[in-house]
Amino acid sequence: MSVSNIAAAAVASQQNQIAQAMQVAMLRAGHEQEEALVDMLAEAAQASAKATPPTGLGNRLDISV
């Protein structure tokens, strides 16, 4: 193997490593965004579950006849 072949192989390997690192970083960023969205929706759901109902709707169903 010549020096130029070894150098070309090293450059190709480094490019593959960089491409893979970029893909992993993009996947992580997407996952973090999804987690943030889920957390935001969960907080909104919890807040609405804890809120008191509007006046006139009450908390119980009166089925007495």
N, C-alpha and C. Protein backbone atom coordinates (compact mmCIF):
# COMPACT_ATOMS: atom_id res chain seq x y z
N MET A 1 0.84 -1.19 0.00
CA MET A 1 0.00 0.00 0.00
C MET A 1 0.87 1.24 0.00
N SER A 2 0.49 2.14 -0.80
CA SER A 2 1.27 3.38 -0.86
C SER A 2 0.76 4.35 0.21
N VAL A 3 1.57 5.36 0.43
CA VAL A 3 1.22 6.37 1.43
C VAL A 3 -0.06 7.09 1.03
N SER A 4 -0.23 7.35 -0.26
CA SER A 4 -1.43 8.05 -0.71
C SER A 4 -2.68 7.20 -0.50
N ASN A 5 -2.59 5.89 -0.66
CA ASN A 5 -3.72 5.00 -0.40
C ASN A 5 -4.09 4.99 1.08
N ILE A 6 -3.08 4.97 1.92
CA ILE A 6 -3.31 4.99 3.36
C ILE A 6 -3.94 6.32 3.76
N ALA A 7 -3.43 7.40 3.21
CA ALA A 7 -3.98 8.72 3.52
C ALA A 7 -5.43 8.82 3.04
N ALA A 8 -5.71 8.32 1.85
CA ALA A 8 -7.08 8.37 1.32
C ALA A 8 -8.01 7.54 2.20
N ALA A 9 -7.56 6.39 2.66
CA ALA A 9 -8.37 5.55 3.55
C ALA A 9 -8.62 6.25 4.88
N ALA A 10 -7.61 6.93 5.40
CA ALA A 10 -7.76 7.66 6.66
C ALA A 10 -8.76 8.80 6.51
N VAL A 11 -8.68 9.51 5.40
CA VAL A 11 -9.62 10.62 5.16
C VAL A 11 -11.04 10.09 5.03
N ALA A 12 -11.22 9.00 4.30
CA ALA A 12 -12.55 8.40 4.13
C ALA A 12 -13.10 7.93 5.47
N SER A 13 -12.26 7.34 6.29
CA SER A 13 -12.69 6.89 7.61
C SER A 13 -13.11 8.06 8.48
N GLN A 14 -12.33 9.12 8.43
CA GLN A 14 -12.65 10.31 9.22
C GLN A 14 -13.96 10.93 8.75
N GLN A 15 -14.19 10.98 7.44
CA GLN A 15 -15.43 11.53 6.91
C GLN A 15 -16.63 10.70 7.36
N ASN A 16 -16.46 9.38 7.36
CA ASN A 16 -17.54 8.51 7.84
C ASN A 16 -17.83 8.74 9.31
N GLN A 17 -16.79 8.92 10.11
CA GLN A 17 -16.98 9.17 11.53
C GLN A 17 -17.70 10.50 11.76
N ILE A 18 -17.33 11.52 10.98
CA ILE A 18 -17.98 12.82 11.12
C ILE A 18 -19.45 12.73 10.71
N ALA A 19 -19.72 12.02 9.61
CA ALA A 19 -21.10 11.87 9.16
C ALA A 19 -21.93 11.13 10.20
N GLN A 20 -21.37 10.09 10.78
CA GLN A 20 -22.09 9.33 11.80
C GLN A 20 -22.32 10.19 13.04
N ALA A 21 -21.34 10.96 13.45
CA ALA A 21 -21.49 11.83 14.62
C ALA A 21 -22.57 12.88 14.37
N MET A 22 -22.63 13.40 13.15
CA MET A 22 -23.67 14.38 12.82
C MET A 22 -25.06 13.74 12.85
N GLN A 23 -25.18 12.52 12.36
CA GLN A 23 -26.46 11.82 12.39
C GLN A 23 -26.92 11.58 13.83
N VAL A 24 -25.99 11.16 14.68
CA VAL A 24 -26.32 10.92 16.08
C VAL A 24 -26.76 12.23 16.74
N ALA A 25 -26.05 13.32 16.45
CA ALA A 25 -26.41 14.61 17.04
C ALA A 25 -27.80 15.06 16.58
N MET A 26 -28.10 14.83 15.32
CA MET A 26 -29.42 15.21 14.81
C MET A 26 -30.52 14.36 15.45
N LEU A 27 -30.28 13.08 15.63
CA LEU A 27 -31.26 12.22 16.29
C LEU A 27 -31.48 12.64 17.74
N ARG A 28 -30.39 12.96 18.42
CA ARG A 28 -30.51 13.41 19.81
C ARG A 28 -31.30 14.70 19.90
N ALA A 29 -31.02 15.65 19.02
CA ALA A 29 -31.74 16.92 19.04
C ALA A 29 -33.22 16.70 18.78
N GLY A 30 -33.54 15.85 17.83
CA GLY A 30 -34.95 15.55 17.55
C GLY A 30 -35.62 14.89 18.74
N HIS A 31 -34.92 13.99 19.39
CA HIS A 31 -35.47 13.31 20.57
C HIS A 31 -35.70 14.31 21.70
N GLU A 32 -34.77 15.22 21.90
CA GLU A 32 -34.93 16.22 22.95
C GLU A 32 -36.11 17.14 22.66
N GLN A 33 -36.32 17.49 21.39
CA GLN A 33 -37.47 18.31 21.03
C GLN A 33 -38.77 17.57 21.29
N GLU A 34 -38.80 16.27 20.96
CA GLU A 34 -40.00 15.48 21.22
C GLU A 34 -40.27 15.38 22.71
N GLU A 35 -39.22 15.18 23.51
CA GLU A 35 -39.40 15.12 24.96
C GLU A 35 -39.94 16.44 25.50
N ALA A 36 -39.43 17.55 24.99
CA ALA A 36 -39.91 18.86 25.44
C ALA A 36 -41.38 19.04 25.10
N LEU A 37 -41.78 18.59 23.93
CA LEU A 37 -43.18 18.70 23.52
C LEU A 37 -44.07 17.84 24.41
N VAL A 38 -43.64 16.62 24.69
CA VAL A 38 -44.42 15.73 25.57
C VAL A 38 -44.53 16.33 26.96
N ASP A 39 -43.44 16.87 27.48
CA ASP A 39 -43.47 17.50 28.81
C ASP A 39 -44.44 18.69 28.82
N MET A 40 -44.41 19.50 27.77
CA MET A 40 -45.29 20.65 27.70
C MET A 40 -46.76 20.21 27.67
N LEU A 41 -47.06 19.19 26.88
CA LEU A 41 -48.44 18.70 26.81
C LEU A 41 -48.87 18.08 28.14
N ALA A 42 -47.97 17.37 28.79
CA ALA A 42 -48.30 16.77 30.09
C ALA A 42 -48.57 17.84 31.13
N GLU A 43 -47.77 18.90 31.14
CA GLU A 43 -47.99 20.00 32.09
C GLU A 43 -49.33 20.67 31.83
N ALA A 44 -49.68 20.87 30.56
CA ALA A 44 -50.96 21.49 30.23
C ALA A 44 -52.12 20.59 30.65
N ALA A 45 -51.97 19.29 30.47
CA ALA A 45 -53.02 18.36 30.87
C ALA A 45 -53.19 18.34 32.39
N GLN A 46 -52.08 18.36 33.12
CA GLN A 46 -52.16 18.37 34.58
C GLN A 46 -52.79 19.67 35.07
N ALA A 47 -52.43 20.78 34.46
CA ALA A 47 -52.99 22.06 34.87
C ALA A 47 -54.49 22.10 34.64
N SER A 48 -54.93 21.58 33.50
CA SER A 48 -56.37 21.61 33.22
C SER A 48 -57.12 20.62 34.10
N ALA A 49 -56.48 19.52 34.50
CA ALA A 49 -57.12 18.56 35.39
C ALA A 49 -57.28 19.13 36.80
N LYS A 50 -56.36 19.98 37.21
CA LYS A 50 -56.42 20.57 38.55
C LYS A 50 -57.32 21.80 38.60
N ALA A 51 -57.63 22.38 37.47
CA ALA A 51 -58.43 23.60 37.44
C ALA A 51 -59.87 23.29 37.85
N THR A 52 -60.50 24.24 38.51
CA THR A 52 -61.89 24.07 38.89
C THR A 52 -62.77 24.28 37.67
N PRO A 53 -63.87 23.58 37.59
CA PRO A 53 -64.75 23.75 36.43
C PRO A 53 -65.41 25.13 36.44
N PRO A 54 -65.85 25.60 35.31
CA PRO A 54 -66.53 26.90 35.26
C PRO A 54 -67.80 26.89 36.10
N THR A 55 -68.23 28.04 36.53
CA THR A 55 -69.43 28.17 37.35
C THR A 55 -70.62 27.56 36.62
N GLY A 56 -71.40 26.78 37.37
CA GLY A 56 -72.60 26.18 36.82
C GLY A 56 -72.40 24.76 36.35
N LEU A 57 -71.17 24.30 36.26
CA LEU A 57 -70.94 22.92 35.81
C LEU A 57 -70.80 21.96 36.97
N GLY A 58 -70.39 22.44 38.13
CA GLY A 58 -70.29 21.61 39.31
C GLY A 58 -69.27 20.49 39.20
N ASN A 59 -69.10 19.79 40.32
CA ASN A 59 -68.14 18.70 40.40
C ASN A 59 -68.81 17.34 40.39
N ARG A 60 -70.12 17.30 40.63
CA ARG A 60 -70.81 16.03 40.77
C ARG A 60 -72.03 15.99 39.84
N LEU A 61 -72.49 14.78 39.61
CA LEU A 61 -73.68 14.57 38.82
C LEU A 61 -74.82 14.26 39.79
N ASP A 62 -75.87 15.05 39.74
CA ASP A 62 -77.02 14.85 40.62
C ASP A 62 -78.06 14.03 39.87
N ILE A 63 -78.21 12.78 40.30
CA ILE A 63 -79.17 11.92 39.60
C ILE A 63 -80.38 11.60 40.47
N SER A 64 -80.57 12.36 41.53
CA SER A 64 -81.73 12.11 42.40
C SER A 64 -83.00 12.53 41.68
N VAL A 65 -84.06 11.74 41.88
CA VAL A 65 -85.32 12.01 41.18
C VAL A 65 -86.36 12.45 42.16
